[in-house]
N, C-alpha and C. Protein backbone atom coordinates (compact mmCIF):
# COMPACT_ATOMS: atom_id res chain seq x y z
N MET A 1 0.93 -1.16 -0.08
CA MET A 1 0.15 0.05 -0.18
C MET A 1 0.95 1.39 -0.04
N LEU A 2 0.56 2.31 -0.60
CA LEU A 2 1.23 3.41 -0.66
C LEU A 2 1.15 4.25 0.81
N THR A 3 1.70 4.97 1.41
CA THR A 3 1.33 5.82 2.35
C THR A 3 0.09 6.79 2.13
N THR A 4 -0.27 6.99 1.19
CA THR A 4 -1.60 7.59 1.13
C THR A 4 -3.03 7.39 1.18
N GLY A 5 -2.83 5.63 1.37
CA GLY A 5 -4.40 5.38 1.95
C GLY A 5 -5.10 4.35 0.55
N ILE A 6 -4.22 4.58 -0.77
CA ILE A 6 -4.78 4.48 -1.67
C ILE A 6 -3.73 3.17 -2.28
N SER A 7 -4.22 2.04 -3.12
CA SER A 7 -3.08 0.99 -3.07
C SER A 7 -2.54 1.67 -4.72
N ARG A 8 -1.71 0.07 -4.87
CA ARG A 8 -0.96 0.77 -5.91
C ARG A 8 -1.33 0.85 -7.05
N PRO A 9 -2.49 -0.49 -6.98
CA PRO A 9 -3.11 -0.32 -8.41
C PRO A 9 -4.07 0.57 -8.94
N LEU A 10 -4.83 1.31 -8.15
CA LEU A 10 -5.29 2.52 -7.81
C LEU A 10 -4.43 3.68 -8.40
N ALA A 11 -3.67 3.69 -7.70
CA ALA A 11 -2.26 4.78 -8.06
C ALA A 11 -1.97 4.94 -9.96
N GLU A 12 -1.76 3.42 -10.43
CA GLU A 12 -1.48 3.59 -11.57
C GLU A 12 -2.36 3.54 -12.52
N ALA A 13 -3.90 2.72 -12.26
CA ALA A 13 -4.89 3.62 -13.14
C ALA A 13 -5.17 4.71 -13.39
N MET A 14 -5.15 5.51 -12.55
CA MET A 14 -5.12 6.82 -12.19
C MET A 14 -4.26 7.55 -12.98
N GLY A 15 -2.99 7.34 -13.16
CA GLY A 15 -1.88 7.95 -13.72
C GLY A 15 -1.95 7.93 -14.95
N ASP A 16 -2.64 7.38 -16.07
CA ASP A 16 -3.07 7.44 -17.50
C ASP A 16 -4.12 7.65 -17.92
N ALA A 17 -5.00 8.10 -16.57
CA ALA A 17 -6.29 8.36 -17.07
C ALA A 17 -6.71 9.04 -17.99
N ASP A 18 -8.02 9.35 -19.02
CA ASP A 18 -8.17 10.14 -19.74
C ASP A 18 -9.91 10.84 -19.27
N PHE A 19 -10.22 9.23 -19.01
CA PHE A 19 -11.84 9.48 -18.66
C PHE A 19 -11.57 8.40 -17.43
N VAL A 20 -12.94 8.91 -16.55
CA VAL A 20 -13.47 7.86 -15.71
C VAL A 20 -14.74 7.61 -15.36
N LEU A 21 -14.83 6.64 -15.34
CA LEU A 21 -16.08 5.64 -15.55
C LEU A 21 -17.02 5.96 -13.87
N ILE A 22 -18.03 6.65 -13.71
CA ILE A 22 -18.68 6.94 -12.47
C ILE A 22 -20.15 6.25 -12.51
N ASP A 23 -20.03 5.18 -11.65
CA ASP A 23 -21.56 4.53 -11.78
C ASP A 23 -21.86 4.75 -13.19
N GLY A 24 -21.46 4.40 -13.93
CA GLY A 24 -21.80 4.00 -15.20
C GLY A 24 -22.29 5.09 -16.04
N VAL A 25 -21.16 6.23 -15.87
CA VAL A 25 -20.94 7.55 -16.33
C VAL A 25 -19.95 8.34 -16.57
N VAL A 26 -19.54 8.04 -17.87
CA VAL A 26 -18.15 8.60 -18.43
C VAL A 26 -18.25 9.78 -18.27
N PHE A 27 -17.03 10.28 -17.65
CA PHE A 27 -16.29 11.54 -17.53
C PHE A 27 -15.21 11.85 -18.12
N LEU A 28 -14.89 13.56 -18.24
CA LEU A 28 -13.64 13.49 -19.33
C LEU A 28 -13.06 14.01 -17.90
N THR A 29 -11.90 13.61 -17.93
CA THR A 29 -11.01 13.63 -16.93
C THR A 29 -10.09 14.64 -17.49
N GLU A 30 -9.90 16.33 -16.63
CA GLU A 30 -9.56 17.79 -16.73
C GLU A 30 -8.56 17.67 -15.40
N TYR A 31 -8.78 17.32 -14.59
CA TYR A 31 -7.72 17.13 -13.47
C TYR A 31 -7.23 16.12 -13.00
N LEU A 32 -6.26 15.67 -12.65
CA LEU A 32 -5.69 14.70 -12.21
C LEU A 32 -4.55 14.49 -11.59
N ARG A 33 -4.37 14.02 -9.70
CA ARG A 33 -3.13 14.32 -9.64
C ARG A 33 -3.02 12.54 -8.47
N VAL A 34 -1.96 12.11 -8.90
CA VAL A 34 -2.39 10.91 -8.40
C VAL A 34 -1.67 11.20 -6.57
N PRO A 35 -2.28 10.85 -5.31
CA PRO A 35 -2.31 11.01 -4.15
C PRO A 35 -0.34 10.58 -4.32
N ASP A 36 0.23 11.54 -3.17
CA ASP A 36 1.01 10.97 -2.91
C ASP A 36 1.91 11.37 -1.53
N GLN A 37 2.88 11.29 -0.60
CA GLN A 37 3.19 11.38 0.82
C GLN A 37 2.83 12.94 0.63
N ASP A 38 2.74 14.18 0.09
CA ASP A 38 2.33 15.44 0.12
C ASP A 38 0.87 15.62 0.50
N THR A 39 -0.01 14.73 0.02
CA THR A 39 -1.08 14.83 -0.52
C THR A 39 -2.00 14.91 0.79
N VAL A 40 -3.12 16.06 1.06
CA VAL A 40 -3.36 15.91 2.46
C VAL A 40 -5.25 15.56 1.89
N ALA A 41 -5.93 14.83 2.79
CA ALA A 41 -6.89 14.67 2.65
C ALA A 41 -8.43 15.33 2.18
N ASP A 42 -7.93 16.94 2.16
CA ASP A 42 -9.17 17.86 1.60
C ASP A 42 -8.38 18.11 0.50
N ASP A 43 -7.24 17.39 -0.30
CA ASP A 43 -6.72 17.65 -1.68
C ASP A 43 -7.41 17.57 -2.67
N ILE A 44 -7.92 18.41 -3.60
CA ILE A 44 -8.47 17.60 -4.81
C ILE A 44 -7.86 16.57 -5.97
N VAL A 45 -7.98 15.45 -6.00
CA VAL A 45 -7.23 14.61 -7.35
C VAL A 45 -8.01 14.17 -8.06
N LEU A 46 -8.93 14.64 -8.05
CA LEU A 46 -9.56 14.35 -9.27
C LEU A 46 -10.64 15.16 -9.93
N GLU A 47 -10.78 16.07 -10.87
CA GLU A 47 -11.55 16.71 -11.65
C GLU A 47 -12.28 16.22 -13.03
N ALA A 48 -13.39 16.28 -13.17
CA ALA A 48 -14.12 15.21 -14.21
C ALA A 48 -15.23 15.91 -14.74
N LYS A 49 -15.46 15.95 -16.22
CA LYS A 49 -16.65 16.61 -16.51
C LYS A 49 -17.54 15.63 -17.76
N HIS A 50 -19.03 15.85 -17.50
CA HIS A 50 -19.70 15.12 -18.38
C HIS A 50 -20.71 15.74 -19.11
N GLY A 51 -20.66 16.42 -19.88
CA GLY A 51 -21.61 17.95 -20.30
C GLY A 51 -21.62 19.04 -19.42
N ASP A 52 -22.77 18.96 -18.62
CA ASP A 52 -22.97 20.57 -17.69
C ASP A 52 -22.55 19.73 -16.73
N THR A 53 -22.53 18.44 -16.29
CA THR A 53 -22.22 17.83 -14.84
C THR A 53 -20.29 17.68 -14.50
N GLU A 54 -20.37 18.58 -13.00
CA GLU A 54 -18.85 18.52 -12.94
C GLU A 54 -18.31 17.77 -11.84
N ILE A 55 -17.68 16.93 -11.64
CA ILE A 55 -17.36 16.46 -10.58
C ILE A 55 -15.99 16.37 -9.80
N ALA A 56 -15.68 16.93 -8.67
CA ALA A 56 -14.55 16.78 -7.82
C ALA A 56 -14.54 15.34 -6.92
N LEU A 57 -13.53 15.23 -6.48
CA LEU A 57 -12.63 14.39 -5.57
C LEU A 57 -11.60 14.66 -4.74
N THR A 58 -11.63 14.34 -3.65
CA THR A 58 -10.52 14.65 -2.53
C THR A 58 -9.89 13.07 -2.49
N ARG A 59 -8.42 13.37 -2.47
CA ARG A 59 -7.59 12.46 -1.69
C ARG A 59 -8.79 11.50 -0.66
N GLU A 60 -9.27 12.07 0.60
CA GLU A 60 -10.08 11.44 1.37
C GLU A 60 -11.28 10.54 0.53
N ASP A 61 -11.54 11.28 -0.41
CA ASP A 61 -12.73 10.20 -1.35
C ASP A 61 -12.43 9.14 -1.55
N ILE A 62 -11.28 8.97 -2.37
CA ILE A 62 -10.57 7.72 -2.66
C ILE A 62 -9.66 6.92 -2.05
N ASP A 63 -9.40 7.32 -0.97
CA ASP A 63 -8.95 6.97 0.24
C ASP A 63 -9.73 5.35 0.81
N GLY A 64 -8.82 4.20 0.94
CA GLY A 64 -9.25 2.94 0.98
C GLY A 64 -10.33 2.47 -0.56
N ALA A 65 -10.43 3.03 -1.08
CA ALA A 65 -11.32 2.33 -2.69
C ALA A 65 -11.15 0.79 -2.37
N GLU A 66 -12.11 -0.12 -2.66
CA GLU A 66 -11.88 -0.97 -2.82
C GLU A 66 -11.55 -1.85 -4.16
N TYR A 67 -10.52 -2.61 -4.60
CA TYR A 67 -11.03 -3.07 -6.11
C TYR A 67 -11.95 -4.59 -5.58
N ILE A 68 -13.14 -4.36 -6.94
CA ILE A 68 -14.18 -5.28 -7.00
C ILE A 68 -13.96 -6.07 -8.11
N GLY A 69 -12.93 -5.64 -8.75
CA GLY A 69 -13.13 -6.31 -10.38
C GLY A 69 -12.89 -5.86 -11.70
N GLU A 70 -12.36 -6.47 -12.36
CA GLU A 70 -12.46 -5.75 -13.83
C GLU A 70 -12.19 -4.20 -13.94
N GLY A 71 -11.25 -4.38 -13.23
CA GLY A 71 -10.99 -2.81 -13.45
C GLY A 71 -11.91 -1.55 -12.36
N LEU A 72 -12.56 -2.18 -11.67
CA LEU A 72 -13.76 -1.26 -11.14
C LEU A 72 -12.94 -1.25 -9.55
N TYR A 73 -13.41 0.05 -9.23
CA TYR A 73 -12.75 0.15 -7.68
C TYR A 73 -14.13 0.81 -7.10
N GLN A 74 -14.72 0.62 -5.57
CA GLN A 74 -16.34 0.80 -4.97
C GLN A 74 -14.96 1.84 -3.83
N LEU A 75 -15.55 3.34 -3.64
CA LEU A 75 -15.45 4.25 -2.57
C LEU A 75 -16.19 3.51 -1.52
N ARG A 76 -15.79 3.91 -0.39
CA ARG A 76 -16.41 4.51 0.76
C ARG A 76 -17.59 4.86 0.66
N SER A 77 -17.86 5.64 0.30
CA SER A 77 -19.14 6.21 -0.45
C SER A 77 -20.54 5.09 -1.07
N GLY A 78 -20.01 4.40 -1.78
CA GLY A 78 -20.64 3.52 -2.35
C GLY A 78 -20.31 4.00 -4.22
N ALA A 79 -19.94 4.85 -4.67
CA ALA A 79 -19.00 4.93 -5.76
C ALA A 79 -18.71 3.68 -6.68
N ARG A 80 -18.81 3.81 -7.53
CA ARG A 80 -17.80 2.58 -8.32
C ARG A 80 -17.12 3.44 -9.53
N LEU A 81 -15.76 3.96 -9.65
CA LEU A 81 -15.43 4.20 -10.30
C LEU A 81 -14.09 3.38 -11.15
N CYS A 82 -13.61 3.69 -12.47
CA CYS A 82 -12.98 2.79 -13.53
C CYS A 82 -12.03 3.55 -14.24
N PHE A 83 -10.92 4.02 -14.02
CA PHE A 83 -9.90 4.86 -15.08
C PHE A 83 -9.87 4.03 -16.72
N LEU A 84 -10.22 5.07 -17.30
CA LEU A 84 -9.82 4.45 -18.87
C LEU A 84 -9.06 5.52 -19.22
N SER A 85 -8.40 5.04 -20.38
CA SER A 85 -7.28 5.53 -21.57
C SER A 85 -8.00 5.39 -22.72
N SER A 86 -7.13 6.80 -23.23
CA SER A 86 -7.52 6.29 -24.62
C SER A 86 -6.71 5.26 -25.53
N ALA A 87 -7.06 4.94 -26.79
CA ALA A 87 -6.36 4.23 -27.35
C ALA A 87 -5.76 4.64 -28.08
N THR A 88 -4.58 4.20 -28.67
CA THR A 88 -3.37 4.80 -29.36
C THR A 88 -3.18 4.02 -30.78
N VAL A 89 -3.80 4.39 -32.02
CA VAL A 89 -3.47 3.70 -32.81
C VAL A 89 -2.16 4.06 -33.54
N HIS A 90 -1.31 3.32 -33.72
CA HIS A 90 0.38 3.41 -34.54
C HIS A 90 0.10 2.63 -36.35
């Protein structure tokens, strides 16, 4: 585990995410900060947008997220997230 309270796989998934799926809705990631030892509980680690809907999650929101399979994480709030990256075609 990282010292921030999030698992290494979650931190790795966050690192490359262009989109985040939250409870079945795809949001465009506008700001993303993988928590580190300098991140405090009320620091914003994710801002994302879907149309006119904007969300922001703090480090406290994602601390203790549980991996439930197939790339999905469940937050303590009950929300489910999956971080997604754009495919690059060469």
